[in-house]
Amino acid sequence: MQRIFLVEDDKAIAKNLILLLRSEGYTVIHASTRGEASAVAASNKFDLALIDITLPDGNGFTVYTEIKEAQDIPVIFLTASGDEASVVTGLNMGADDYITKPFRPRELIARIGTALRKRGRSGSVFEICGLRVDTASGIVKKNGSEIFLSALEYRLLLVFINNPQSIITRGRLLDELWDAAGEFVNDNTLTVYIKRLREKTEDDPANPRIILTVRGTGYRLGDGNA
């Protein structure tokens, strides 16, 4: 049975998460403060950690560092709505994912499953058309030079990388951006983010080879030959 370390100070959220995770077959160990989390992490082994960024006696980044020093497990940050700066910090530190509160239970379970499956794969680097994405560190490079993506741009790119064989509808992408931003994202906003992402990742944004348009449906990841 896989063990999940939950670091969350909100008692109501923690209670609901523990019930949800246990109903999915996970063993859950809970800590509500940074100090408590440090002690638990030092004496237990886990398969994945869910860490709230804001804690009463510090922040989740410190807990993340302590966990990573002791064991190499996937970490998903729980963040407040609209706190993009913290999200970017977490991703740059190497977090596997993040989810904003309030979140949908089934989405969280799906993200946990994805993080656990990814960690079981060999390698965490994806490359296409001179673009190199290291999902372990959150670093993105184009032709050897690091490029900087916003949290939403990075999330959008990960959707394509994690679904290389799929056509992804605009509706699904809107859901992804809405969850990441913690606010409503409309169709025009999605078009803007696709345009920005292409400008940063494509050799020729007007003739994309990485993020391809599937007319009338959505988008798909290219194979580098389009």
Protein backbone atom coordinates (compact mmCIF):
# COMPACT_ATOMS: atom_id res chain seq x y z
CA MET A 1 0.00 0.00 0.00
CA GLN A 2 1.45 3.37 -1.05
CA ARG A 3 2.12 5.92 1.68
CA ILE A 4 1.29 9.60 1.27
CA PHE A 5 2.64 12.34 3.52
CA LEU A 6 0.10 15.14 3.90
CA VAL A 7 1.31 18.47 5.28
CA GLU A 8 -1.73 20.72 5.75
CA ASP A 9 -2.64 23.02 8.65
CA ASP A 10 -6.32 23.51 7.81
CA LYS A 11 -8.09 20.86 9.90
CA ALA A 12 -11.20 20.65 7.70
CA ILE A 13 -9.18 20.29 4.48
CA ALA A 14 -6.85 17.75 6.09
CA LYS A 15 -9.75 15.66 7.40
CA ASN A 16 -11.44 15.53 3.99
CA LEU A 17 -8.17 14.75 2.21
CA ILE A 18 -7.35 11.92 4.60
CA LEU A 19 -10.79 10.36 4.06
CA LEU A 20 -10.48 10.76 0.28
CA LEU A 21 -6.98 9.30 0.06
CA ARG A 22 -7.78 6.37 2.34
CA SER A 23 -10.86 5.59 0.26
CA GLU A 24 -8.51 5.29 -2.73
CA GLY A 25 -6.35 2.77 -0.89
CA TYR A 26 -3.51 5.02 0.25
CA THR A 27 -1.98 5.09 3.70
CA VAL A 28 -1.88 8.71 4.93
CA ILE A 29 0.37 10.28 7.54
CA HIS A 30 -0.59 13.85 8.43
CA ALA A 31 1.38 16.78 9.85
CA SER A 32 -0.09 20.23 10.44
CA THR A 33 3.05 22.35 10.99
CA ARG A 34 6.52 22.70 9.55
CA GLY A 35 8.09 21.49 12.78
CA GLU A 36 5.87 18.43 12.98
CA ALA A 37 6.46 17.67 9.31
CA SER A 38 10.24 17.78 9.77
CA ALA A 39 10.08 15.26 12.60
CA VAL A 40 7.76 12.92 10.69
CA ALA A 41 9.83 13.11 7.49
CA ALA A 42 13.00 12.24 9.37
CA SER A 43 11.61 8.96 10.68
CA ASN A 44 9.28 7.71 7.91
CA LYS A 45 9.43 6.67 4.27
CA PHE A 46 6.78 7.78 1.81
CA ASP A 47 5.83 7.33 -1.84
CA LEU A 48 4.53 10.88 -2.37
CA ALA A 49 4.08 14.12 -0.42
CA LEU A 50 1.27 16.68 -0.58
CA ILE A 51 2.55 19.91 0.94
CA ASP A 52 0.66 23.11 1.69
CA ILE A 53 2.90 26.07 0.90
CA THR A 54 1.60 28.25 3.75
CA LEU A 55 2.09 26.80 7.23
CA PRO A 56 1.65 28.46 10.65
CA ASP A 57 5.34 28.16 11.59
CA GLY A 58 7.03 28.53 8.22
CA ASN A 59 6.43 27.47 4.65
CA GLY A 60 6.17 24.30 2.64
CA PHE A 61 9.36 25.01 0.70
CA THR A 62 11.42 24.21 3.79
CA VAL A 63 9.52 20.95 4.25
CA TYR A 64 10.07 20.14 0.58
CA THR A 65 13.83 20.63 0.93
CA GLU A 66 14.00 18.45 4.02
CA ILE A 67 11.99 15.67 2.39
CA LYS A 68 14.08 15.74 -0.78
CA GLU A 69 17.30 15.52 1.23
CA ALA A 70 16.02 12.36 2.90
CA GLN A 71 14.17 10.60 0.08
CA ASP A 72 13.52 11.09 -3.63
CA ILE A 73 9.74 11.08 -3.88
CA PRO A 74 7.25 13.07 -5.96
CA VAL A 75 5.91 16.23 -4.32
CA ILE A 76 2.71 18.08 -5.15
CA PHE A 77 2.25 21.54 -3.65
CA LEU A 78 -1.15 22.71 -2.41
CA THR A 79 -1.40 26.45 -3.10
CA ALA A 80 -3.76 29.33 -2.48
CA SER A 81 -5.75 30.58 -5.44
CA GLY A 82 -3.87 33.10 -7.56
CA ASP A 83 -0.52 32.69 -5.77
CA GLU A 84 1.46 32.37 -8.99
CA ALA A 85 4.77 33.47 -7.46
CA SER A 86 4.72 30.56 -5.02
CA VAL A 87 3.75 28.17 -7.78
CA VAL A 88 6.71 29.23 -9.91
CA THR A 89 9.05 28.93 -6.94
CA GLY A 90 7.82 25.42 -6.23
CA LEU A 91 8.17 24.29 -9.81
CA ASN A 92 11.65 25.77 -10.08
CA MET A 93 12.65 23.88 -6.96
CA GLY A 94 11.67 20.68 -8.75
CA ALA A 95 8.16 19.94 -7.51
CA ASP A 96 6.30 17.45 -9.68
CA ASP A 97 3.03 19.37 -9.75
CA TYR A 98 0.79 21.77 -7.88
CA ILE A 99 -2.93 22.18 -7.41
CA THR A 100 -4.82 25.25 -6.24
CA LYS A 101 -7.44 25.34 -3.51
CA PRO A 102 -10.29 24.70 -3.66
CA PHE A 103 -9.63 21.68 -5.86
CA ARG A 104 -11.77 18.92 -7.26
CA PRO A 105 -11.19 15.61 -5.45
CA ARG A 106 -11.07 13.47 -8.58
CA GLU A 107 -8.55 15.80 -10.20
CA LEU A 108 -6.27 15.55 -7.17
CA ILE A 109 -6.44 11.76 -7.24
CA ALA A 110 -5.62 11.82 -10.96
CA ARG A 111 -2.62 14.10 -10.38
CA ILE A 112 -1.34 11.87 -7.59
CA GLY A 113 -1.60 8.83 -9.85
CA THR A 114 0.19 10.64 -12.66
CA ALA A 115 3.02 11.76 -10.37
CA LEU A 116 3.49 8.24 -9.02
CA ARG A 117 3.51 6.73 -12.52
CA LYS A 118 5.99 9.31 -13.81
CA ARG A 119 8.38 8.62 -10.97
CA GLY A 120 8.38 4.98 -11.98
CA ARG A 121 9.54 5.85 -15.49
CA SER A 122 13.17 6.18 -16.53
CA GLY A 123 14.22 9.76 -17.06
CA SER A 124 12.39 13.02 -16.65
CA VAL A 125 13.64 14.92 -19.70
CA PHE A 126 11.55 15.54 -22.79
CA GLU A 127 13.05 16.87 -26.03
CA ILE A 128 11.57 17.99 -29.35
CA CYS A 129 12.76 20.43 -32.00
CA GLY A 130 15.50 21.93 -29.84
CA LEU A 131 13.17 22.27 -26.85
CA ARG A 132 14.33 20.48 -23.71
CA VAL A 133 12.03 20.18 -20.69
CA ASP A 134 13.41 18.74 -17.47
CA THR A 135 10.28 17.99 -15.44
CA ALA A 136 12.32 17.07 -12.36
CA SER A 137 13.87 20.53 -12.10
CA GLY A 138 11.23 22.52 -13.97
CA ILE A 139 13.91 23.95 -16.28
CA VAL A 140 12.99 24.57 -19.93
CA LYS A 141 15.65 25.25 -22.56
CA LYS A 142 15.47 26.14 -26.25
CA ASN A 143 18.55 25.40 -28.34
CA GLY A 144 20.61 25.22 -25.16
CA SER A 145 19.42 28.51 -23.64
CA GLU A 146 17.03 28.58 -20.70
CA ILE A 147 13.64 30.13 -21.36
CA PHE A 148 11.29 31.35 -18.68
CA LEU A 149 7.63 30.39 -18.70
CA SER A 150 4.88 31.65 -16.44
CA ALA A 151 3.16 29.07 -14.24
CA LEU A 152 0.24 28.84 -16.66
CA GLU A 153 2.50 28.55 -19.71
CA TYR A 154 4.47 25.75 -18.01
CA ARG A 155 1.27 23.94 -17.00
CA LEU A 156 0.02 24.19 -20.58
CA LEU A 157 3.28 22.77 -21.93
CA LEU A 158 3.13 19.87 -19.45
CA VAL A 159 -0.35 18.97 -20.67
CA PHE A 160 1.05 18.38 -24.15
CA ILE A 161 4.17 16.56 -22.94
CA ASN A 162 2.12 14.23 -20.74
CA ASN A 163 -0.27 13.41 -23.58
CA PRO A 164 2.02 12.97 -26.61
CA GLN A 165 -0.33 10.75 -28.59
CA SER A 166 -3.56 12.62 -27.90
CA ILE A 167 -5.56 15.38 -29.51
CA ILE A 168 -6.36 17.73 -26.65
CA THR A 169 -9.58 19.69 -26.96
CA ARG A 170 -9.82 23.37 -26.19
CA GLY A 171 -12.33 22.50 -23.49
CA ARG A 172 -9.82 20.33 -21.67
CA LEU A 173 -7.12 22.98 -21.95
CA LEU A 174 -9.53 25.57 -20.57
CA ASP A 175 -10.15 23.31 -17.58
CA GLU A 176 -6.40 22.96 -17.01
CA LEU A 177 -5.79 26.72 -17.13
CA TRP A 178 -8.84 27.46 -15.01
CA ASP A 179 -7.60 25.09 -12.30
CA ALA A 180 -4.09 26.56 -12.44
CA ALA A 181 -5.21 30.17 -12.30
CA GLY A 182 -7.93 29.67 -9.71
CA GLU A 183 -10.22 31.88 -11.77
CA PHE A 184 -12.27 31.67 -14.92
CA VAL A 185 -10.22 31.43 -18.12
CA ASN A 186 -12.09 32.07 -21.35
CA ASP A 187 -11.51 30.91 -24.90
CA ASN A 188 -9.71 34.10 -25.91
CA THR A 189 -7.31 33.73 -22.98
CA LEU A 190 -6.44 30.20 -24.11
CA THR A 191 -5.65 31.49 -27.60
CA VAL A 192 -3.33 34.11 -26.08
CA TYR A 193 -1.48 31.51 -23.99
CA ILE A 194 -1.03 29.16 -26.94
CA LYS A 195 0.38 32.10 -28.93
CA ARG A 196 2.78 33.07 -26.10
CA LEU A 197 3.94 29.49 -25.63
CA ARG A 198 4.63 29.11 -29.34
CA GLU A 199 6.57 32.38 -29.40
CA LYS A 200 8.84 31.06 -26.66
CA THR A 201 9.25 27.45 -27.80
CA GLU A 202 8.95 27.33 -31.60
CA ASP A 203 11.71 28.16 -34.11
CA ASP A 204 9.03 29.68 -36.33
CA PRO A 205 5.83 30.42 -34.33
CA ALA A 206 3.91 31.02 -37.56
CA ASN A 207 4.69 27.47 -38.67
CA PRO A 208 4.69 25.48 -35.41
CA ARG A 209 6.21 22.01 -35.15
CA ILE A 210 5.78 21.45 -31.41
CA ILE A 211 2.21 22.52 -30.66
CA LEU A 212 0.07 21.75 -33.69
CA THR A 213 -3.48 22.94 -34.33
CA VAL A 214 -6.10 20.31 -35.08
CA ARG A 215 -8.77 22.36 -36.80
CA GLY A 216 -12.20 22.18 -35.26
CA THR A 217 -10.96 20.12 -32.32
CA GLY A 218 -7.96 21.50 -30.43
CA TYR A 219 -4.24 20.84 -30.45
CA ARG A 220 -1.73 18.02 -30.31
CA LEU A 221 1.98 17.63 -29.68
CA GLY A 222 3.99 17.41 -32.89
CA ASP A 223 6.56 14.77 -33.73
CA GLY A 224 9.13 17.33 -34.90
CA ASN A 225 8.45 16.67 -38.57
CA ALA A 226 5.39 18.80 -39.21
